[in-house]
Amino acid sequence: MTPAILIVNKPSKSVETYRNFLAGKGYRVFTSPTLVEADILLNKTPCSLAFISSDLLDGMESSILRTMKNRRMDCKFVLMATNFDIDMYVEVLNGSIFHEYLVAPPTLAL
């Protein structure tokens, strides 16, 4: 089965660009505009990777994130930010639920 990727971010042109790029590489790609919808989707559809926008977070250890991670231990969570934040980066490295920190480029050339 082809690996599935979830992108959790507010709808935007960049989300569509990422979706189209990843789908073009052969991945099944799902998008969700909220953490609540992402939790519902992850409960129904196993994903190998979840990119989660830092813009949607109240904090690094929110209960909805913890629930998502506990339900899908096999899914790698990547925090996707638009700007580098050293404090957030250190928190990710020090054992938050995220496996990686990514500063997303503003555009993606296909």
PDB file of N, CA and C in Angstrom:
ATOM      1  N   MET A   1       0.837  -1.176   0.000  1.00  0.00           N
ATOM      2  CA  MET A   1       0.000   0.000   0.000  1.00  0.00           C
ATOM      3  C   MET A   1       0.889   1.250   0.000  1.00  0.00           C
ATOM      4  N   THR A   2       0.504   2.228  -0.757  1.00  0.00           N
ATOM      5  CA  THR A   2       1.255   3.474  -0.850  1.00  0.00           C
ATOM      6  C   THR A   2       1.161   4.235   0.468  1.00  0.00           C
ATOM      7  N   PRO A   3       2.290   4.739   0.983  1.00  0.00           N
ATOM      8  CA  PRO A   3       2.245   5.510   2.231  1.00  0.00           C
ATOM      9  C   PRO A   3       1.347   6.741   2.102  1.00  0.00           C
ATOM     10  N   ALA A   4       0.713   7.072   3.205  1.00  0.00           N
ATOM     11  CA  ALA A   4      -0.171   8.240   3.239  1.00  0.00           C
ATOM     12  C   ALA A   4       0.471   9.342   4.073  1.00  0.00           C
ATOM     13  N   ILE A   5       0.253  10.567   3.637  1.00  0.00           N
ATOM     14  CA  ILE A   5       0.768  11.752   4.316  1.00  0.00           C
ATOM     15  C   ILE A   5      -0.404  12.677   4.608  1.00  0.00           C
ATOM     16  N   LEU A   6      -0.398  13.237   5.804  1.00  0.00           N
ATOM     17  CA  LEU A   6      -1.424  14.196   6.216  1.00  0.00           C
ATOM     18  C   LEU A   6      -0.778  15.567   6.372  1.00  0.00           C
ATOM     19  N   ILE A   7      -1.401  16.577   5.781  1.00  0.00           N
ATOM     20  CA  ILE A   7      -0.964  17.962   5.942  1.00  0.00           C
ATOM     21  C   ILE A   7      -2.054  18.686   6.721  1.00  0.00           C
ATOM     22  N   VAL A   8      -1.693  19.184   7.899  1.00  0.00           N
ATOM     23  CA  VAL A   8      -2.657  19.887   8.749  1.00  0.00           C
ATOM     24  C   VAL A   8      -2.279  21.364   8.740  1.00  0.00           C
ATOM     25  N   ASN A   9      -3.067  22.142   8.022  1.00  0.00           N
ATOM     26  CA  ASN A   9      -2.795  23.566   7.866  1.00  0.00           C
ATOM     27  C   ASN A   9      -4.041  24.239   7.321  1.00  0.00           C
ATOM     28  N   LYS A  10      -4.136  25.521   7.554  1.00  0.00           N
ATOM     29  CA  LYS A  10      -5.247  26.289   6.993  1.00  0.00           C
ATOM     30  C   LYS A  10      -5.181  26.201   5.472  1.00  0.00           C
ATOM     31  N   PRO A  11      -6.350  26.145   4.807  1.00  0.00           N
ATOM     32  CA  PRO A  11      -6.335  26.067   3.341  1.00  0.00           C
ATOM     33  C   PRO A  11      -5.567  27.254   2.742  1.00  0.00           C
ATOM     34  N   SER A  12      -4.707  26.929   1.798  1.00  0.00           N
ATOM     35  CA  SER A  12      -3.934  27.973   1.122  1.00  0.00           C
ATOM     36  C   SER A  12      -3.373  27.404  -0.171  1.00  0.00           C
ATOM     37  N   LYS A  13      -2.846  28.280  -0.972  1.00  0.00           N
ATOM     38  CA  LYS A  13      -2.216  27.847  -2.223  1.00  0.00           C
ATOM     39  C   LYS A  13      -1.006  26.954  -1.937  1.00  0.00           C
ATOM     40  N   SER A  14      -0.248  27.267  -0.886  1.00  0.00           N
ATOM     41  CA  SER A  14       0.927  26.447  -0.583  1.00  0.00           C
ATOM     42  C   SER A  14       0.530  25.032  -0.152  1.00  0.00           C
ATOM     43  N   VAL A  15      -0.565  24.892   0.585  1.00  0.00           N
ATOM     44  CA  VAL A  15      -1.028  23.550   0.975  1.00  0.00           C
ATOM     45  C   VAL A  15      -1.372  22.744  -0.275  1.00  0.00           C
ATOM     46  N   GLU A  16      -2.057  23.359  -1.217  1.00  0.00           N
ATOM     47  CA  GLU A  16      -2.396  22.677  -2.468  1.00  0.00           C
ATOM     48  C   GLU A  16      -1.137  22.320  -3.252  1.00  0.00           C
ATOM     49  N   THR A  17      -0.163  23.218  -3.245  1.00  0.00           N
ATOM     50  CA  THR A  17       1.095  22.948  -3.947  1.00  0.00           C
ATOM     51  C   THR A  17       1.796  21.755  -3.323  1.00  0.00           C
ATOM     52  N   TYR A  18       1.889  21.718  -1.992  1.00  0.00           N
ATOM     53  CA  TYR A  18       2.505  20.578  -1.304  1.00  0.00           C
ATOM     54  C   TYR A  18       1.738  19.291  -1.608  1.00  0.00           C
ATOM     55  N   ARG A  19       0.422  19.370  -1.551  1.00  0.00           N
ATOM     56  CA  ARG A  19      -0.411  18.204  -1.822  1.00  0.00           C
ATOM     57  C   ARG A  19      -0.155  17.678  -3.232  1.00  0.00           C
ATOM     58  N   ASN A  20      -0.170  18.570  -4.200  1.00  0.00           N
ATOM     59  CA  ASN A  20       0.042  18.163  -5.588  1.00  0.00           C
ATOM     60  C   ASN A  20       1.453  17.600  -5.802  1.00  0.00           C
ATOM     61  N   PHE A  21       2.441  18.221  -5.183  1.00  0.00           N
ATOM     62  CA  PHE A  21       3.822  17.750  -5.303  1.00  0.00           C
ATOM     63  C   PHE A  21       3.968  16.338  -4.741  1.00  0.00           C
ATOM     64  N   LEU A  22       3.464  16.126  -3.527  1.00  0.00           N
ATOM     65  CA  LEU A  22       3.591  14.816  -2.888  1.00  0.00           C
ATOM     66  C   LEU A  22       2.779  13.748  -3.611  1.00  0.00           C
ATOM     67  N   ALA A  23       1.577  14.116  -4.058  1.00  0.00           N
ATOM     68  CA  ALA A  23       0.752  13.179  -4.824  1.00  0.00           C
ATOM     69  C   ALA A  23       1.453  12.811  -6.134  1.00  0.00           C
ATOM     70  N   GLY A  24       2.107  13.787  -6.737  1.00  0.00           N
ATOM     71  CA  GLY A  24       2.855  13.528  -7.963  1.00  0.00           C
ATOM     72  C   GLY A  24       4.032  12.580  -7.758  1.00  0.00           C
ATOM     73  N   LYS A  25       4.512  12.496  -6.528  1.00  0.00           N
ATOM     74  CA  LYS A  25       5.594  11.566  -6.184  1.00  0.00           C
ATOM     75  C   LYS A  25       5.053  10.186  -5.800  1.00  0.00           C
ATOM     76  N   GLY A  26       3.728  10.034  -5.856  1.00  0.00           N
ATOM     77  CA  GLY A  26       3.124   8.728  -5.616  1.00  0.00           C
ATOM     78  C   GLY A  26       2.523   8.506  -4.245  1.00  0.00           C
ATOM     79  N   TYR A  27       2.529   9.520  -3.392  1.00  0.00           N
ATOM     80  CA  TYR A  27       1.954   9.376  -2.055  1.00  0.00           C
ATOM     81  C   TYR A  27       0.461   9.650  -2.074  1.00  0.00           C
ATOM     82  N   ARG A  28      -0.258   8.996  -1.169  1.00  0.00           N
ATOM     83  CA  ARG A  28      -1.642   9.377  -0.911  1.00  0.00           C
ATOM     84  C   ARG A  28      -1.574  10.550   0.056  1.00  0.00           C
ATOM     85  N   VAL A  29      -2.219  11.652  -0.287  1.00  0.00           N
ATOM     86  CA  VAL A  29      -2.108  12.859   0.523  1.00  0.00           C
ATOM     87  C   VAL A  29      -3.486  13.310   0.968  1.00  0.00           C
ATOM     88  N   PHE A  30      -3.592  13.588   2.260  1.00  0.00           N
ATOM     89  CA  PHE A  30      -4.820  14.105   2.841  1.00  0.00           C
ATOM     90  C   PHE A  30      -4.513  15.466   3.458  1.00  0.00           C
ATOM     91  N   THR A  31      -5.488  16.341   3.453  1.00  0.00           N
ATOM     92  CA  THR A  31      -5.313  17.641   4.089  1.00  0.00           C
ATOM     93  C   THR A  31      -6.433  17.865   5.099  1.00  0.00           C
ATOM     94  N   SER A  32      -6.105  18.636   6.108  1.00  0.00           N
ATOM     95  CA  SER A  32      -7.076  18.978   7.142  1.00  0.00           C
ATOM     96  C   SER A  32      -6.799  20.398   7.604  1.00  0.00           C
ATOM     97  N   PRO A  33      -7.844  21.222   7.747  1.00  0.00           N
ATOM     98  CA  PRO A  33      -7.627  22.608   8.160  1.00  0.00           C
ATOM     99  C   PRO A  33      -7.529  22.799   9.676  1.00  0.00           C
ATOM    100  N   THR A  34      -7.868  21.762  10.457  1.00  0.00           N
ATOM    101  CA  THR A  34      -7.853  21.897  11.916  1.00  0.00           C
ATOM    102  C   THR A  34      -7.298  20.627  12.560  1.00  0.00           C
ATOM    103  N   LEU A  35      -6.857  20.760  13.791  1.00  0.00           N
ATOM    104  CA  LEU A  35      -6.373  19.599  14.542  1.00  0.00           C
ATOM    105  C   LEU A  35      -7.503  18.626  14.852  1.00  0.00           C
ATOM    106  N   VAL A  36      -8.691  19.145  15.120  1.00  0.00           N
ATOM    107  CA  VAL A  36      -9.838  18.275  15.421  1.00  0.00           C
ATOM    108  C   VAL A  36     -10.163  17.398  14.214  1.00  0.00           C
ATOM    109  N   GLU A  37     -10.223  18.001  13.033  1.00  0.00           N
ATOM    110  CA  GLU A  37     -10.487  17.219  11.821  1.00  0.00           C
ATOM    111  C   GLU A  37      -9.340  16.248  11.530  1.00  0.00           C
ATOM    112  N   ALA A  38      -8.112  16.679  11.809  1.00  0.00           N
ATOM    113  CA  ALA A  38      -6.964  15.803  11.606  1.00  0.00           C
ATOM    114  C   ALA A  38      -7.047  14.581  12.516  1.00  0.00           C
ATOM    115  N   ASP A  39      -7.479  14.777  13.747  1.00  0.00           N
ATOM    116  CA  ASP A  39      -7.631  13.669  14.684  1.00  0.00           C
ATOM    117  C   ASP A  39      -8.659  12.670  14.156  1.00  0.00           C
ATOM    118  N   ILE A  40      -9.767  13.160  13.656  1.00  0.00           N
ATOM    119  CA  ILE A  40     -10.809  12.282  13.093  1.00  0.00           C
ATOM    120  C   ILE A  40     -10.261  11.521  11.893  1.00  0.00           C
ATOM    121  N   LEU A  41      -9.537  12.223  11.032  1.00  0.00           N
ATOM    122  CA  LEU A  41      -8.967  11.595   9.845  1.00  0.00           C
ATOM    123  C   LEU A  41      -7.935  10.533  10.212  1.00  0.00           C
ATOM    124  N   LEU A  42      -7.052  10.842  11.159  1.00  0.00           N
ATOM    125  CA  LEU A  42      -6.044   9.864  11.575  1.00  0.00           C
ATOM    126  C   LEU A  42      -6.669   8.635  12.223  1.00  0.00           C
ATOM    127  N   ASN A  43      -7.818   8.819  12.842  1.00  0.00           N
ATOM    128  CA  ASN A  43      -8.512   7.693  13.457  1.00  0.00           C
ATOM    129  C   ASN A  43      -9.051   6.741  12.391  1.00  0.00           C
ATOM    130  N   LYS A  44      -9.367   7.273  11.208  1.00  0.00           N
ATOM    131  CA  LYS A  44      -9.930   6.472  10.125  1.00  0.00           C
ATOM    132  C   LYS A  44      -8.889   5.997   9.114  1.00  0.00           C
ATOM    133  N   THR A  45      -7.860   6.809   8.907  1.00  0.00           N
ATOM    134  CA  THR A  45      -6.890   6.548   7.848  1.00  0.00           C
ATOM    135  C   THR A  45      -5.480   6.518   8.411  1.00  0.00           C
ATOM    136  N   PRO A  46      -4.807   5.387   8.354  1.00  0.00           N
ATOM    137  CA  PRO A  46      -3.431   5.353   8.842  1.00  0.00           C
ATOM    138  C   PRO A  46      -2.516   6.177   7.935  1.00  0.00           C
ATOM    139  N   CYS A  47      -1.759   7.056   8.530  1.00  0.00           N
ATOM    140  CA  CYS A  47      -0.790   7.877   7.799  1.00  0.00           C
ATOM    141  C   CYS A  47       0.600   7.608   8.365  1.00  0.00           C
ATOM    142  N   SER A  48       1.583   7.619   7.502  1.00  0.00           N
ATOM    143  CA  SER A  48       2.968   7.416   7.931  1.00  0.00           C
ATOM    144  C   SER A  48       3.594   8.697   8.450  1.00  0.00           C
ATOM    145  N   LEU A  49       3.085   9.831   7.938  1.00  0.00           N
ATOM    146  CA  LEU A  49       3.679  11.119   8.231  1.00  0.00           C
ATOM    147  C   LEU A  49       2.595  12.179   8.323  1.00  0.00           C
ATOM    148  N   ALA A  50       2.722  13.054   9.307  1.00  0.00           N
ATOM    149  CA  ALA A  50       1.775  14.166   9.456  1.00  0.00           C
ATOM    150  C   ALA A  50       2.563  15.465   9.613  1.00  0.00           C
ATOM    151  N   PHE A  51       2.395  16.365   8.657  1.00  0.00           N
ATOM    152  CA  PHE A  51       2.964  17.706   8.754  1.00  0.00           C
ATOM    153  C   PHE A  51       1.925  18.579   9.452  1.00  0.00           C
ATOM    154  N   ILE A  52       2.297  19.181  10.570  1.00  0.00           N
ATOM    155  CA  ILE A  52       1.351  19.988  11.337  1.00  0.00           C
ATOM    156  C   ILE A  52       1.883  21.407  11.438  1.00  0.00           C
ATOM    157  N   SER A  53       1.067  22.362  11.006  1.00  0.00           N
ATOM    158  CA  SER A  53       1.468  23.760  11.017  1.00  0.00           C
ATOM    159  C   SER A  53       1.550  24.298  12.437  1.00  0.00           C
ATOM    160  N   SER A  54       2.629  25.016  12.713  1.00  0.00           N
ATOM    161  CA  SER A  54       2.778  25.640  14.031  1.00  0.00           C
ATOM    162  C   SER A  54       1.726  26.717  14.262  1.00  0.00           C
ATOM    163  N   ASP A  55       1.145  27.245  13.189  1.00  0.00           N
ATOM    164  CA  ASP A  55       0.107  28.277  13.306  1.00  0.00           C
ATOM    165  C   ASP A  55      -1.166  27.746  13.963  1.00  0.00           C
ATOM    166  N   LEU A  56      -1.349  26.439  13.970  1.00  0.00           N
ATOM    167  CA  LEU A  56      -2.565  25.844  14.531  1.00  0.00           C
ATOM    168  C   LEU A  56      -2.430  25.446  15.994  1.00  0.00           C
ATOM    169  N   LEU A  57      -1.231  25.610  16.556  1.00  0.00           N
ATOM    170  CA  LEU A  57      -0.980  25.119  17.910  1.00  0.00           C
ATOM    171  C   LEU A  57      -1.196  26.177  18.978  1.00  0.00           C
ATOM    172  N   ASP A  58      -1.796  25.736  20.083  1.00  0.00           N
ATOM    173  CA  ASP A  58      -1.868  26.573  21.286  1.00  0.00           C
ATOM    174  C   ASP A  58      -0.596  26.378  22.094  1.00  0.00           C
ATOM    175  N   GLY A  59      -0.072  25.188  22.018  1.00  0.00           N
ATOM    176  CA  GLY A  59       1.148  24.826  22.739  1.00  0.00           C
ATOM    177  C   GLY A  59       1.653  23.505  22.207  1.00  0.00           C
ATOM    178  N   MET A  60       2.880  23.196  22.518  1.00  0.00           N
ATOM    179  CA  MET A  60       3.503  21.986  21.977  1.00  0.00           C
ATOM    180  C   MET A  60       2.913  20.710  22.560  1.00  0.00           C
ATOM    181  N   GLU A  61       2.281  20.781  23.690  1.00  0.00           N
ATOM    182  CA  GLU A  61       1.762  19.585  24.349  1.00  0.00           C
ATOM    183  C   GLU A  61       0.244  19.639  24.516  1.00  0.00           C
ATOM    184  N   SER A  62      -0.450  20.125  23.513  1.00  0.00           N
ATOM    185  CA  SER A  62      -1.904  20.215  23.625  1.00  0.00           C
ATOM    186  C   SER A  62      -2.513  18.814  23.718  1.00  0.00           C
ATOM    187  N   SER A  63      -3.664  18.735  24.336  1.00  0.00           N
ATOM    188  CA  SER A  63      -4.293  17.425  24.554  1.00  0.00           C
ATOM    189  C   SER A  63      -4.694  16.762  23.238  1.00  0.00           C
ATOM    190  N   ILE A  64      -5.121  17.545  22.265  1.00  0.00           N
ATOM    191  CA  ILE A  64      -5.521  16.954  20.978  1.00  0.00           C
ATOM    192  C   ILE A  64      -4.308  16.340  20.273  1.00  0.00           C
ATOM    193  N   LEU A  65      -3.148  16.999  20.372  1.00  0.00           N
ATOM    194  CA  LEU A  65      -1.929  16.434  19.777  1.00  0.00           C
ATOM    195  C   LEU A  65      -1.531  15.142  20.469  1.00  0.00           C
ATOM    196  N   ARG A  66      -1.621  15.138  21.779  1.00  0.00           N
ATOM    197  CA  ARG A  66      -1.274  13.940  22.554  1.00  0.00           C
ATOM    198  C   ARG A  66      -2.211  12.788  22.174  1.00  0.00           C
ATOM    199  N   THR A  67      -3.504  13.066  22.031  1.00  0.00           N
ATOM    200  CA  THR A  67      -4.475  12.042  21.631  1.00  0.00           C
ATOM    201  C   THR A  67      -4.140  11.501  20.249  1.00  0.00           C
ATOM    202  N   MET A  68      -3.836  12.412  19.320  1.00  0.00           N
ATOM    203  CA  MET A  68      -3.484  11.989  17.961  1.00  0.00           C
ATOM    204  C   MET A  68      -2.263  11.064  17.992  1.00  0.00           C
ATOM    205  N   LYS A  69      -1.258  11.441  18.733  1.00  0.00           N
ATOM    206  CA  LYS A  69      -0.028  10.655  18.791  1.00  0.00           C
ATOM    207  C   LYS A  69      -0.265   9.295  19.455  1.00  0.00           C
ATOM    208  N   ASN A  70      -1.061   9.274  20.516  1.00  0.00           N
ATOM    209  CA  ASN A  70      -1.343   8.016  21.204  1.00  0.00           C
ATOM    210  C   ASN A  70      -2.128   7.046  20.329  1.00  0.00           C
ATOM    211  N   ARG A  71      -2.997   7.573  19.477  1.00  0.00           N
ATOM    212  CA  ARG A  71      -3.780   6.715  18.584  1.00  0.00           C
ATOM    213  C   ARG A  71      -2.932   6.158  17.450  1.00  0.00           C
ATOM    214  N   ARG A  72      -1.986   6.931  17.002  1.00  0.00           N
ATOM    215  CA  ARG A  72      -1.177   6.556  15.841  1.00  0.00           C
ATOM    216  C   ARG A  72       0.307   6.624  16.172  1.00  0.00           C
ATOM    217  N   MET A  73       0.766   5.681  16.983  1.00  0.00           N
ATOM    218  CA  MET A  73       2.167   5.658  17.389  1.00  0.00           C
ATOM    219  C   MET A  73       3.106   5.455  16.201  1.00  0.00           C
ATOM    220  N   ASP A  74       2.594   4.857  15.113  1.00  0.00           N
ATOM    221  CA  ASP A  74       3.422   4.590  13.946  1.00  0.00           C
ATOM    222  C   ASP A  74       3.553   5.802  13.023  1.00  0.00           C
ATOM    223  N   CYS A  75       2.808   6.846  13.277  1.00  0.00           N
ATOM    224  CA  CYS A  75       2.846   8.064  12.459  1.00  0.00           C
ATOM    225  C   CYS A  75       3.911   9.022  12.993  1.00  0.00           C
ATOM    226  N   LYS A  76       4.754   9.517  12.108  1.00  0.00           N
ATOM    227  CA  LYS A  76       5.764  10.506  12.484  1.00  0.00           C
ATOM    228  C   LYS A  76       5.153  11.904  12.347  1.00  0.00           C
ATOM    229  N   PHE A  77       5.265  12.691  13.395  1.00  0.00           N
ATOM    230  CA  PHE A  77       4.725  14.040  13.405  1.00  0.00           C
ATOM    231  C   PHE A  77       5.845  15.048  13.156  1.00  0.00           C
ATOM    232  N   VAL A  78       5.646  15.909  12.172  1.00  0.00           N
ATOM    233  CA  VAL A  78       6.623  16.932  11.824  1.00  0.00           C
ATOM    234  C   VAL A  78       5.978  18.298  12.024  1.00  0.00           C
ATOM    235  N   LEU A  79       6.617  19.125  12.834  1.00  0.00           N
ATOM    236  CA  LEU A  79       6.138  20.486  13.046  1.00  0.00           C
ATOM    237  C   LEU A  79       6.612  21.338  11.886  1.00  0.00           C
ATOM    238  N   MET A  80       5.682  21.978  11.203  1.00  0.00           N
ATOM    239  CA  MET A  80       5.992  22.790  10.041  1.00  0.00           C
ATOM    240  C   MET A  80       5.770  24.262  10.392  1.00  0.00           C
ATOM    241  N   ALA A  81       6.833  25.045  10.330  1.00  0.00           N
ATOM    242  CA  ALA A  81       6.754  26.460  10.666  1.00  0.00           C
ATOM    243  C   ALA A  81       7.112  27.299   9.442  1.00  0.00           C
ATOM    244  N   THR A  82       6.646  28.536   9.433  1.00  0.00           N
ATOM    245  CA  THR A  82       6.991  29.431   8.329  1.00  0.00           C
ATOM    246  C   THR A  82       8.247  30.236   8.627  1.00  0.00           C
ATOM    247  N   ASN A  83       8.578  30.355   9.912  1.00  0.00           N
ATOM    248  CA  ASN A  83       9.787  31.063  10.333  1.00  0.00           C
ATOM    249  C   ASN A  83      10.497  30.232  11.388  1.00  0.00           C
ATOM    250  N   PHE A  84      11.806  30.293  11.393  1.00  0.00           N
ATOM    251  CA  PHE A  84      12.576  29.549  12.379  1.00  0.00           C
ATOM    252  C   PHE A  84      12.415  30.196  13.754  1.00  0.00           C
ATOM    253  N   ASP A  85      12.134  29.373  14.756  1.00  0.00           N
ATOM    254  CA  ASP A  85      11.990  29.829  16.139  1.00  0.00           C
ATOM    255  C   ASP A  85      12.854  28.902  16.997  1.00  0.00           C
ATOM    256  N   ILE A  86      13.927  29.427  17.552  1.00  0.00           N
ATOM    257  CA  ILE A  86      14.885  28.600  18.292  1.00  0.00           C
ATOM    258  C   ILE A  86      14.244  27.924  19.505  1.00  0.00           C
ATOM    259  N   ASP A  87      13.359  28.617  20.209  1.00  0.00           N
ATOM    260  CA  ASP A  87      12.712  28.011  21.377  1.00  0.00           C
ATOM    261  C   ASP A  87      11.846  26.826  20.974  1.00  0.00           C
ATOM    262  N   MET A  88      11.107  26.978  19.881  1.00  0.00           N
ATOM    263  CA  MET A  88      10.259  25.893  19.398  1.00  0.00           C
ATOM    264  C   MET A  88      11.130  24.726  18.927  1.00  0.00           C
ATOM    265  N   TYR A  89      12.217  25.033  18.253  1.00  0.00           N
ATOM    266  CA  TYR A  89      13.130  24.007  17.768  1.00  0.00           C
ATOM    267  C   TYR A  89      13.714  23.204  18.931  1.00  0.00           C
ATOM    268  N   VAL A  90      14.152  23.883  19.963  1.00  0.00           N
ATOM    269  CA  VAL A  90      14.717  23.209  21.135  1.00  0.00           C
ATOM    270  C   VAL A  90      13.661  22.336  21.807  1.00  0.00           C
ATOM    271  N   GLU A  91      12.444  22.827  21.887  1.00  0.00           N
ATOM    272  CA  GLU A  91      11.373  22.036  22.494  1.00  0.00           C
ATOM    273  C   GLU A  91      11.109  20.759  21.694  1.00  0.00           C
ATOM    274  N   VAL A  92      11.137  20.855  20.371  1.00  0.00           N
ATOM    275  CA  VAL A  92      10.963  19.668  19.534  1.00  0.00           C
ATOM    276  C   VAL A  92      12.100  18.679  19.801  1.00  0.00           C
ATOM    277  N   LEU A  93      13.321  19.175  19.869  1.00  0.00           N
ATOM    278  CA  LEU A  93      14.471  18.299  20.117  1.00  0.00           C
ATOM    279  C   LEU A  93      14.434  17.659  21.498  1.00  0.00           C
ATOM    280  N   ASN A  94      13.811  18.326  22.457  1.00  0.00           N
ATOM    281  CA  ASN A  94      13.794  17.838  23.834  1.00  0.00           C
ATOM    282  C   ASN A  94      12.614  16.928  24.146  1.00  0.00           C
ATOM    283  N   GLY A  95      12.032  16.321  23.128  1.00  0.00           N
ATOM    284  CA  GLY A  95      11.066  15.274  23.403  1.00  0.00           C
ATOM    285  C   GLY A  95       9.603  15.644  23.368  1.00  0.00           C
ATOM    286  N   SER A  96       9.240  16.625  22.589  1.00  0.00           N
ATOM    287  CA  SER A  96       7.808  16.865  22.404  1.00  0.00           C
ATOM    288  C   SER A  96       7.263  15.710  21.562  1.00  0.00           C
ATOM    289  N   ILE A  97       6.012  15.755  21.189  1.00  0.00           N
ATOM    290  CA  ILE A  97       5.454  14.670  20.389  1.00  0.00           C
ATOM    291  C   ILE A  97       5.951  14.693  18.955  1.00  0.00           C
ATOM    292  N   PHE A  98       6.614  15.768  18.574  1.00  0.00           N
ATOM    293  CA  PHE A  98       7.090  15.892  17.198  1.00  0.00           C
ATOM    294  C   PHE A  98       8.423  15.172  17.020  1.00  0.00           C
ATOM    295  N   HIS A  99       8.595  14.610  15.848  1.00  0.00           N
ATOM    296  CA  HIS A  99       9.834  13.920  15.512  1.00  0.00           C
ATOM    297  C   HIS A  99      10.828  14.841  14.821  1.00  0.00           C
ATOM    298  N   GLU A 100      10.319  15.885  14.203  1.00  0.00           N
ATOM    299  CA  GLU A 100      11.173  16.769  13.414  1.00  0.00           C
ATOM    300  C   GLU A 100      10.557  18.160  13.334  1.00  0.00           C
ATOM    301  N   TYR A 101      11.396  19.116  13.012  1.00  0.00           N
ATOM    302  CA  TYR A 101      10.994  20.514  12.871  1.00  0.00           C
ATOM    303  C   TYR A 101      11.394  20.942  11.469  1.00  0.00           C
ATOM    304  N   LEU A 102      10.447  21.469  10.720  1.00  0.00           N
ATOM    305  CA  LEU A 102      10.696  21.867   9.345  1.00  0.00           C
ATOM    306  C   LEU A 102      10.271  23.306   9.147  1.00  0.00           C
ATOM    307  N   VAL A 103      11.170  24.116   8.600  1.00  0.00           N
ATOM    308  CA  VAL A 103      10.798  25.456   8.183  1.00  0.00           C
ATOM    309  C   VAL A 103      10.416  25.339   6.721  1.00  0.00           C
ATOM    310  N   ALA A 104       9.142  25.496   6.468  1.00  0.00           N
ATOM    311  CA  ALA A 104       8.611  25.295   5.125  1.00  0.00           C
ATOM    312  C   ALA A 104       8.974  26.467   4.221  1.00  0.00           C
ATOM    313  N   PRO A 105       9.379  26.166   3.001  1.00  0.00           N
ATOM    314  CA  PRO A 105       9.646  27.262   2.075  1.00  0.00           C
ATOM    315  C   PRO A 105       8.335  27.955   1.701  1.00  0.00           C
ATOM    316  N   PRO A 106       8.387  29.253   1.431  1.00  0.00           N
ATOM    317  CA  PRO A 106       7.157  29.968   1.076  1.00  0.00           C
ATOM    318  C   PRO A 106       6.563  29.489  -0.241  1.00  0.00           C
ATOM    319  N   THR A 107       7.402  28.980  -1.124  1.00  0.00           N
ATOM    320  CA  THR A 107       6.913  28.436  -2.385  1.00  0.00           C
ATOM    321  C   THR A 107       7.642  27.129  -2.660  1.00  0.00           C
ATOM    322  N   LEU A 108       7.055  26.333  -3.503  1.00  0.00           N
ATOM    323  CA  LEU A 108       7.637  25.050  -3.852  1.00  0.00           C
ATOM    324  C   LEU A 108       7.604  24.931  -5.376  1.00  0.00           C
ATOM    325  N   ALA A 109       8.753  24.852  -5.984  1.00  0.00           N
ATOM    326  CA  ALA A 109       8.822  24.735  -7.435  1.00  0.00           C
ATOM    327  C   ALA A 109       8.566  23.286  -7.834  1.00  0.00           C
ATOM    328  N   LEU A 110       7.661  23.109  -8.755  1.00  0.00           N
ATOM    329  CA  LEU A 110       7.338  21.742  -9.207  1.00  0.00           C
ATOM    330  C   LEU A 110       8.101  21.397 -10.453  1.00  0.00           C
TER     331      LEU A 110
END
